[in-house]
């Protein structure tokens, strides 16, 4: 995982059943007002402004407090959608897109929330990790969770949960400019790799085509190339990628 950087489905209870995981979402989304219309996509200027506000709050309030305040509500909505299905609101998508782009610990928290259930990885830990990723107990706990998901052959993916997570990431990608696609694509690639899905490499390569410095996407490409996969699909070789 990278560090901090300034700069019943997945709509039908199964991932990728009716749309390619790297494709833009085609079906209409529900707006926050409930009028059934697809929300207006975000402009780069709009998201950049959100990023500047987050940066200012981090400077004024301190990183930990500012990130916790910024992330708490969208993370609650993200976790409920992972559990129950549904759609993220427009404000949530903006907050998560900017958060993933600006603070890589937020990206890592969202990734782990998809592949590990809330009983083992509660949202309070995710919030604490996102705001204090270098705290030894948080870094150690994240490594333990990733290692268990990689090495334990009895740890099988929750396909519905993964589908919902991929669906939300695709919804975000459909709403934001290309410069904000990198981290959602990288997370999607990682989840697909963990599922043993051949579409992991194309997602990761798309992220690298936009930003060749995306280390998570590079990790996915390396793992696929070396035929390294989680124990549940019988490809585990060596340490967690």
C-alpha atoms as a PDB file:
ATOM      1  CA  UNK A   1       0.000   0.000   0.000  1.00  0.00           C
ATOM      2  CA  UNK A   2       1.094   3.549  -0.640  1.00  0.00           C
ATOM      3  CA  UNK A   3       1.435   6.217   2.014  1.00  0.00           C
ATOM      4  CA  UNK A   4      -0.051   9.668   2.189  1.00  0.00           C
ATOM      5  CA  UNK A   5       0.128  11.777  -0.964  1.00  0.00           C
ATOM      6  CA  UNK A   6      -0.625  15.469  -1.192  1.00  0.00           C
ATOM      7  CA  UNK A   7      -1.134  15.838  -4.578  1.00  0.00           C
ATOM      8  CA  UNK A   8     -28.045  -8.158  -3.722  1.00  0.00           C
ATOM      9  CA  UNK A   9     -25.254  -7.054  -6.523  1.00  0.00           C
ATOM     10  CA  UNK A  10     -22.896  -4.466  -7.285  1.00  0.00           C
ATOM     11  CA  UNK A  11     -26.236  -3.593  -8.417  1.00  0.00           C
ATOM     12  CA  UNK A  12     -27.524  -7.192  -8.590  1.00  0.00           C
ATOM     13  CA  UNK A  13     -25.617  -9.091  -5.903  1.00  0.00           C
ATOM     14  CA  UNK A  14     -22.754 -10.307  -8.066  1.00  0.00           C
ATOM     15  CA  UNK A  15     -19.767  -8.446  -9.386  1.00  0.00           C
ATOM     16  CA  UNK A  16     -19.516  -7.600 -13.064  1.00  0.00           C
ATOM     17  CA  UNK A  17     -22.598  -9.527 -14.141  1.00  0.00           C
ATOM     18  CA  UNK A  18     -23.992  -6.973 -16.527  1.00  0.00           C
ATOM     19  CA  UNK A  19     -21.158  -4.548 -17.114  1.00  0.00           C
ATOM     20  CA  UNK A  20     -17.410  -4.866 -17.473  1.00  0.00           C
ATOM     21  CA  UNK A  21     -15.648  -3.819 -14.268  1.00  0.00           C
ATOM     22  CA  UNK A  22     -13.505  -1.344 -16.212  1.00  0.00           C
ATOM     23  CA  UNK A  23     -16.347   0.121 -18.254  1.00  0.00           C
ATOM     24  CA  UNK A  24     -18.117   3.359 -17.539  1.00  0.00           C
ATOM     25  CA  UNK A  25     -21.490   2.853 -15.902  1.00  0.00           C
ATOM     26  CA  UNK A  26     -24.309   2.899 -18.452  1.00  0.00           C
ATOM     27  CA  UNK A  27     -27.487   2.696 -16.404  1.00  0.00           C
ATOM     28  CA  UNK A  28     -28.965   5.899 -14.950  1.00  0.00           C
ATOM     29  CA  UNK A  29     -27.957   6.792 -11.431  1.00  0.00           C
ATOM     30  CA  UNK A  30     -30.286   8.144  -8.769  1.00  0.00           C
ATOM     31  CA  UNK A  31     -29.585  11.698  -7.700  1.00  0.00           C
ATOM     32  CA  UNK A  32     -29.628  12.817  -4.073  1.00  0.00           C
ATOM     33  CA  UNK A  33     -32.894  14.608  -4.700  1.00  0.00           C
ATOM     34  CA  UNK A  34     -34.551  11.338  -5.651  1.00  0.00           C
ATOM     35  CA  UNK A  35     -35.827  12.626  -8.987  1.00  0.00           C
ATOM     36  CA  UNK A  36     -34.365   9.675 -10.888  1.00  0.00           C
ATOM     37  CA  UNK A  37     -32.112  11.837 -13.052  1.00  0.00           C
ATOM     38  CA  UNK A  38     -28.436  11.111 -13.490  1.00  0.00           C
ATOM     39  CA  UNK A  39     -26.361  13.603 -11.463  1.00  0.00           C
ATOM     40  CA  UNK A  40     -24.269  16.135 -13.337  1.00  0.00           C
ATOM     41  CA  UNK A  41     -20.635  14.957 -13.653  1.00  0.00           C
ATOM     42  CA  UNK A  42     -18.050  16.860 -11.665  1.00  0.00           C
ATOM     43  CA  UNK A  43     -15.720  19.348 -13.293  1.00  0.00           C
ATOM     44  CA  UNK A  44     -12.029  19.264 -12.510  1.00  0.00           C
ATOM     45  CA  UNK A  45     -12.336  22.758 -11.061  1.00  0.00           C
ATOM     46  CA  UNK A  46     -15.074  21.611  -8.663  1.00  0.00           C
ATOM     47  CA  UNK A  47     -13.071  18.667  -7.349  1.00  0.00           C
ATOM     48  CA  UNK A  48      -9.854  20.646  -7.161  1.00  0.00           C
ATOM     49  CA  UNK A  49     -11.701  23.206  -5.014  1.00  0.00           C
ATOM     50  CA  UNK A  50     -12.803  20.410  -2.666  1.00  0.00           C
ATOM     51  CA  UNK A  51      -9.187  19.274  -2.477  1.00  0.00           C
ATOM     52  CA  UNK A  52      -8.020  22.779  -1.570  1.00  0.00           C
ATOM     53  CA  UNK A  53     -10.596  22.986   1.219  1.00  0.00           C
ATOM     54  CA  UNK A  54      -9.446  19.634   2.586  1.00  0.00           C
ATOM     55  CA  UNK A  55      -5.830  20.783   2.480  1.00  0.00           C
ATOM     56  CA  UNK A  56      -6.719  24.023   4.290  1.00  0.00           C
ATOM     57  CA  UNK A  57      -8.610  22.122   6.984  1.00  0.00           C
ATOM     58  CA  UNK A  58      -5.647  19.795   7.450  1.00  0.00           C
ATOM     59  CA  UNK A  59      -3.390  22.784   7.920  1.00  0.00           C
ATOM     60  CA  UNK A  60      -5.761  24.548  10.332  1.00  0.00           C
ATOM     61  CA  UNK A  61      -7.079  21.585  12.356  1.00  0.00           C
ATOM     62  CA  UNK A  62      -4.288  19.055  11.965  1.00  0.00           C
ATOM     63  CA  UNK A  63      -4.324  16.055   9.622  1.00  0.00           C
ATOM     64  CA  UNK A  64      -5.987  13.622  12.003  1.00  0.00           C
ATOM     65  CA  UNK A  65      -8.958  15.736  13.043  1.00  0.00           C
ATOM     66  CA  UNK A  66      -9.514  17.189   9.574  1.00  0.00           C
ATOM     67  CA  UNK A  67      -9.503  13.798   7.838  1.00  0.00           C
ATOM     68  CA  UNK A  68     -11.809  12.250  10.425  1.00  0.00           C
ATOM     69  CA  UNK A  69     -14.287  15.094  10.032  1.00  0.00           C
ATOM     70  CA  UNK A  70     -14.033  14.995   6.231  1.00  0.00           C
ATOM     71  CA  UNK A  71     -14.433  11.231   5.904  1.00  0.00           C
ATOM     72  CA  UNK A  72     -16.867  10.213   8.642  1.00  0.00           C
ATOM     73  CA  UNK A  73     -20.160  10.806   6.815  1.00  0.00           C
ATOM     74  CA  UNK A  74     -19.145   9.569   3.337  1.00  0.00           C
ATOM     75  CA  UNK A  75     -17.504   6.512   4.932  1.00  0.00           C
ATOM     76  CA  UNK A  76     -20.732   5.734   6.812  1.00  0.00           C
ATOM     77  CA  UNK A  77     -22.662   5.892   3.543  1.00  0.00           C
ATOM     78  CA  UNK A  78     -19.997   3.810   1.762  1.00  0.00           C
ATOM     79  CA  UNK A  79     -20.143   1.101   4.440  1.00  0.00           C
ATOM     80  CA  UNK A  80     -23.946   0.980   4.429  1.00  0.00           C
ATOM     81  CA  UNK A  81     -23.948   0.608   0.649  1.00  0.00           C
ATOM     82  CA  UNK A  82     -21.372  -2.177   0.871  1.00  0.00           C
ATOM     83  CA  UNK A  83     -23.664  -3.941   3.335  1.00  0.00           C
ATOM     84  CA  UNK A  84     -27.086  -3.283   1.879  1.00  0.00           C
ATOM     85  CA  UNK A  85     -26.656  -2.076  -1.694  1.00  0.00           C
ATOM     86  CA  UNK A  86     -27.962   1.144  -3.156  1.00  0.00           C
ATOM     87  CA  UNK A  87     -26.238   4.251  -4.480  1.00  0.00           C
ATOM     88  CA  UNK A  88     -23.852   6.840  -3.143  1.00  0.00           C
ATOM     89  CA  UNK A  89     -24.998  10.444  -3.200  1.00  0.00           C
ATOM     90  CA  UNK A  90     -23.233  13.039  -5.296  1.00  0.00           C
ATOM     91  CA  UNK A  91     -21.547  14.648  -2.289  1.00  0.00           C
ATOM     92  CA  UNK A  92     -20.232  11.267  -1.131  1.00  0.00           C
ATOM     93  CA  UNK A  93     -18.770  10.513  -4.555  1.00  0.00           C
ATOM     94  CA  UNK A  94     -16.990  13.872  -4.641  1.00  0.00           C
ATOM     95  CA  UNK A  95     -15.602  13.457  -1.127  1.00  0.00           C
ATOM     96  CA  UNK A  96     -14.336   9.929  -1.800  1.00  0.00           C
ATOM     97  CA  UNK A  97     -12.883  10.735  -5.222  1.00  0.00           C
ATOM     98  CA  UNK A  98     -10.940  13.679  -3.834  1.00  0.00           C
ATOM     99  CA  UNK A  99     -10.009  11.787  -0.669  1.00  0.00           C
ATOM    100  CA  UNK A 100      -8.583   8.823  -2.595  1.00  0.00           C
ATOM    101  CA  UNK A 101      -6.630  11.144  -4.861  1.00  0.00           C
ATOM    102  CA  UNK A 102      -5.205  13.383  -2.128  1.00  0.00           C
ATOM    103  CA  UNK A 103      -4.737  10.985   0.810  1.00  0.00           C
ATOM    104  CA  UNK A 104      -3.735   7.452  -0.087  1.00  0.00           C
ATOM    105  CA  UNK A 105      -4.645   6.122   3.354  1.00  0.00           C
ATOM    106  CA  UNK A 106      -8.277   6.905   2.458  1.00  0.00           C
ATOM    107  CA  UNK A 107      -7.871   4.838  -0.699  1.00  0.00           C
ATOM    108  CA  UNK A 108      -6.366   1.971   1.306  1.00  0.00           C
ATOM    109  CA  UNK A 109      -9.180   2.124   3.861  1.00  0.00           C
ATOM    110  CA  UNK A 110     -11.790   1.862   1.105  1.00  0.00           C
ATOM    111  CA  UNK A 111      -9.949  -1.058  -0.487  1.00  0.00           C
ATOM    112  CA  UNK A 112      -9.740  -3.057   2.728  1.00  0.00           C
ATOM    113  CA  UNK A 113     -13.409  -2.334   3.474  1.00  0.00           C
ATOM    114  CA  UNK A 114     -14.386  -4.115   0.250  1.00  0.00           C
ATOM    115  CA  UNK A 115     -12.416  -7.304   0.717  1.00  0.00           C
ATOM    116  CA  UNK A 116     -12.853  -7.687   4.492  1.00  0.00           C
ATOM    117  CA  UNK A 117     -16.186  -7.609   6.285  1.00  0.00           C
ATOM    118  CA  UNK A 118     -17.105  -5.039   8.900  1.00  0.00           C
ATOM    119  CA  UNK A 119     -17.043  -7.538  11.766  1.00  0.00           C
ATOM    120  CA  UNK A 120     -13.292  -8.030  11.291  1.00  0.00           C
ATOM    121  CA  UNK A 121     -12.631  -4.524  10.029  1.00  0.00           C
ATOM    122  CA  UNK A 122     -15.038  -2.060  11.691  1.00  0.00           C
ATOM    123  CA  UNK A 123     -15.526   1.398  10.292  1.00  0.00           C
ATOM    124  CA  UNK A 124     -13.968   3.022  13.363  1.00  0.00           C
ATOM    125  CA  UNK A 125     -10.701   1.269  12.534  1.00  0.00           C
ATOM    126  CA  UNK A 126     -11.001   2.388   8.902  1.00  0.00           C
ATOM    127  CA  UNK A 127     -11.549   5.966  10.004  1.00  0.00           C
ATOM    128  CA  UNK A 128      -8.634   5.810  12.425  1.00  0.00           C
ATOM    129  CA  UNK A 129      -6.352   4.254   9.813  1.00  0.00           C
ATOM    130  CA  UNK A 130      -7.307   6.845   7.190  1.00  0.00           C
ATOM    131  CA  UNK A 131      -6.488   9.662   9.610  1.00  0.00           C
ATOM    132  CA  UNK A 132      -3.452   8.070  11.307  1.00  0.00           C
ATOM    133  CA  UNK A 133      -1.942   5.496   8.917  1.00  0.00           C
ATOM    134  CA  UNK A 134       1.544   5.737  10.432  1.00  0.00           C
ATOM    135  CA  UNK A 135       0.356   4.923  13.949  1.00  0.00           C
ATOM    136  CA  UNK A 136       2.069   1.579  14.664  1.00  0.00           C
ATOM    137  CA  UNK A 137      -1.070  -0.228  15.809  1.00  0.00           C
ATOM    138  CA  UNK A 138      -2.970   0.902  12.702  1.00  0.00           C
ATOM    139  CA  UNK A 139      -0.190  -0.063  10.304  1.00  0.00           C
ATOM    140  CA  UNK A 140       0.202  -3.414  12.074  1.00  0.00           C
ATOM    141  CA  UNK A 141      -3.532  -4.146  12.001  1.00  0.00           C
ATOM    142  CA  UNK A 142      -3.798  -3.335   8.302  1.00  0.00           C
ATOM    143  CA  UNK A 143      -0.886  -5.636   7.536  1.00  0.00           C
ATOM    144  CA  UNK A 144      -2.489  -8.410   9.604  1.00  0.00           C
ATOM    145  CA  UNK A 145      -5.789  -8.059   7.731  1.00  0.00           C
ATOM    146  CA  UNK A 146      -4.132  -8.056   4.303  1.00  0.00           C
ATOM    147  CA  UNK A 147      -1.862 -10.963   5.201  1.00  0.00           C
ATOM    148  CA  UNK A 148      -4.790 -13.063   6.457  1.00  0.00           C
ATOM    149  CA  UNK A 149      -6.823 -12.351   3.317  1.00  0.00           C
ATOM    150  CA  UNK A 150      -3.829 -13.355   1.186  1.00  0.00           C
ATOM    151  CA  UNK A 151      -2.514 -16.433   3.005  1.00  0.00           C
ATOM    152  CA  UNK A 152      -5.641 -18.040   4.504  1.00  0.00           C
ATOM    153  CA  UNK A 153      -7.133 -20.466   1.986  1.00  0.00           C
ATOM    154  CA  UNK A 154     -10.351 -20.525   4.023  1.00  0.00           C
ATOM    155  CA  UNK A 155     -10.852 -16.783   3.453  1.00  0.00           C
ATOM    156  CA  UNK A 156     -13.194 -16.607   0.465  1.00  0.00           C
ATOM    157  CA  UNK A 157     -14.482 -13.349  -0.994  1.00  0.00           C
ATOM    158  CA  UNK A 158     -17.966 -12.066  -0.351  1.00  0.00           C
ATOM    159  CA  UNK A 159     -18.977 -11.699  -3.996  1.00  0.00           C
ATOM    160  CA  UNK A 160     -21.956  -9.452  -3.269  1.00  0.00           C
ATOM    161  CA  UNK A 161     -19.863  -7.114  -1.123  1.00  0.00           C
ATOM    162  CA  UNK A 162     -17.089  -6.988  -3.721  1.00  0.00           C
ATOM    163  CA  UNK A 163     -19.656  -6.333  -6.446  1.00  0.00           C
ATOM    164  CA  UNK A 164     -21.127  -3.440  -4.519  1.00  0.00           C
ATOM    165  CA  UNK A 165     -17.678  -1.991  -3.911  1.00  0.00           C
ATOM    166  CA  UNK A 166     -16.717  -2.266  -7.579  1.00  0.00           C
ATOM    167  CA  UNK A 167     -20.073  -0.753  -8.513  1.00  0.00           C
ATOM    168  CA  UNK A 168     -19.483   2.295  -6.317  1.00  0.00           C
ATOM    169  CA  UNK A 169     -15.979   2.758  -7.718  1.00  0.00           C
ATOM    170  CA  UNK A 170     -17.327   2.591 -11.270  1.00  0.00           C
ATOM    171  CA  UNK A 171     -20.011   5.108 -10.381  1.00  0.00           C
ATOM    172  CA  UNK A 172     -17.324   7.455  -9.086  1.00  0.00           C
ATOM    173  CA  UNK A 173     -15.239   6.971 -12.247  1.00  0.00           C
ATOM    174  CA  UNK A 174     -18.288   7.793 -14.368  1.00  0.00           C
ATOM    175  CA  UNK A 175     -18.742  11.089 -12.525  1.00  0.00           C
ATOM    176  CA  UNK A 176     -15.220  12.497 -12.352  1.00  0.00           C
ATOM    177  CA  UNK A 177     -12.599  13.775 -14.828  1.00  0.00           C
ATOM    178  CA  UNK A 178      -9.901  11.362 -16.000  1.00  0.00           C
ATOM    179  CA  UNK A 179      -7.275  12.759 -13.636  1.00  0.00           C
ATOM    180  CA  UNK A 180      -9.419  11.406 -10.757  1.00  0.00           C
ATOM    181  CA  UNK A 181      -9.787   7.929 -12.298  1.00  0.00           C
ATOM    182  CA  UNK A 182      -6.389   6.650 -11.174  1.00  0.00           C
ATOM    183  CA  UNK A 183      -7.045   5.507  -7.603  1.00  0.00           C
ATOM    184  CA  UNK A 184     -10.579   4.102  -8.177  1.00  0.00           C
ATOM    185  CA  UNK A 185      -9.177   2.114 -11.125  1.00  0.00           C
ATOM    186  CA  UNK A 186      -6.261   0.870  -9.024  1.00  0.00           C
ATOM    187  CA  UNK A 187      -8.577  -0.252  -6.202  1.00  0.00           C
ATOM    188  CA  UNK A 188     -10.899  -1.927  -8.712  1.00  0.00           C
ATOM    189  CA  UNK A 189      -7.894  -3.727 -10.203  1.00  0.00           C
ATOM    190  CA  UNK A 190      -6.790  -4.922  -6.771  1.00  0.00           C
ATOM    191  CA  UNK A 191     -10.254  -6.246  -5.886  1.00  0.00           C
ATOM    192  CA  UNK A 192     -10.500  -8.018  -9.241  1.00  0.00           C
ATOM    193  CA  UNK A 193      -7.039  -9.525  -8.693  1.00  0.00           C
ATOM    194  CA  UNK A 194      -8.181 -10.760  -5.274  1.00  0.00           C
ATOM    195  CA  UNK A 195     -11.221 -12.329  -6.936  1.00  0.00           C
ATOM    196  CA  UNK A 196      -9.020 -14.078  -9.496  1.00  0.00           C
ATOM    197  CA  UNK A 197     -10.607 -12.071 -12.313  1.00  0.00           C
ATOM    198  CA  UNK A 198      -8.655 -11.606 -15.545  1.00  0.00           C
ATOM    199  CA  UNK A 199      -9.904  -8.031 -15.817  1.00  0.00           C
ATOM    200  CA  UNK A 200      -7.580  -6.965 -12.985  1.00  0.00           C
ATOM    201  CA  UNK A 201      -4.689  -6.268 -15.349  1.00  0.00           C
ATOM    202  CA  UNK A 202      -6.640  -4.026 -17.776  1.00  0.00           C
ATOM    203  CA  UNK A 203      -7.938  -1.915 -14.879  1.00  0.00           C
ATOM    204  CA  UNK A 204      -4.471  -1.542 -13.404  1.00  0.00           C
ATOM    205  CA  UNK A 205      -2.965  -0.726 -16.787  1.00  0.00           C
ATOM    206  CA  UNK A 206      -5.579   1.971 -17.364  1.00  0.00           C
ATOM    207  CA  UNK A 207      -4.597   3.541 -14.052  1.00  0.00           C
ATOM    208  CA  UNK A 208      -0.917   3.427 -15.031  1.00  0.00           C
ATOM    209  CA  UNK A 209      -1.675   4.928 -18.432  1.00  0.00           C
ATOM    210  CA  UNK A 210      -3.030   7.995 -16.634  1.00  0.00           C
ATOM    211  CA  UNK A 211      -0.401   8.051 -13.872  1.00  0.00           C
ATOM    212  CA  UNK A 212       2.612   5.794 -14.275  1.00  0.00           C
ATOM    213  CA  UNK A 213       3.545   6.494 -10.665  1.00  0.00           C
ATOM    214  CA  UNK A 214       0.504   4.710  -9.191  1.00  0.00           C
ATOM    215  CA  UNK A 215       2.199   2.072  -7.067  1.00  0.00           C
ATOM    216  CA  UNK A 216      -0.974   0.139  -6.226  1.00  0.00           C
ATOM    217  CA  UNK A 217      -1.692  -0.390  -9.932  1.00  0.00           C
ATOM    218  CA  UNK A 218       1.931  -1.431 -10.459  1.00  0.00           C
ATOM    219  CA  UNK A 219       1.592  -3.965  -7.619  1.00  0.00           C
ATOM    220  CA  UNK A 220      -1.481  -5.466  -9.294  1.00  0.00           C
ATOM    221  CA  UNK A 221       0.269  -5.709 -12.672  1.00  0.00           C
ATOM    222  CA  UNK A 222       3.320  -7.326 -11.076  1.00  0.00           C
ATOM    223  CA  UNK A 223       1.216  -9.859  -9.159  1.00  0.00           C
ATOM    224  CA  UNK A 224      -0.779 -10.834 -12.251  1.00  0.00           C
ATOM    225  CA  UNK A 225       2.387 -11.107 -14.369  1.00  0.00           C
ATOM    226  CA  UNK A 226       4.046 -13.358 -11.773  1.00  0.00           C
ATOM    227  CA  UNK A 227       0.870 -15.450 -11.306  1.00  0.00           C
ATOM    228  CA  UNK A 228       0.730 -14.479  -7.644  1.00  0.00           C
ATOM    229  CA  UNK A 229      -2.734 -14.625  -6.135  1.00  0.00           C
ATOM    230  CA  UNK A 230      -4.507 -15.156  -2.818  1.00  0.00           C
ATOM    231  CA  UNK A 231      -4.491 -18.574  -1.217  1.00  0.00           C
ATOM    232  CA  UNK A 232      -8.202 -19.191  -1.800  1.00  0.00           C
ATOM    233  CA  UNK A 233      -7.578 -19.506  -5.558  1.00  0.00           C
ATOM    234  CA  UNK A 234      -4.408 -21.551  -5.038  1.00  0.00           C
ATOM    235  CA  UNK A 235      -1.839 -19.126  -6.464  1.00  0.00           C
ATOM    236  CA  UNK A 236      -0.130 -17.807  -3.334  1.00  0.00           C
ATOM    237  CA  UNK A 237       3.618 -17.470  -3.736  1.00  0.00           C
ATOM    238  CA  UNK A 238       5.756 -15.686  -1.157  1.00  0.00           C
ATOM    239  CA  UNK A 239       4.565 -12.644   0.739  1.00  0.00           C
ATOM    240  CA  UNK A 240       1.586 -10.357   0.290  1.00  0.00           C
ATOM    241  CA  UNK A 241       2.171  -8.336  -2.916  1.00  0.00           C
END
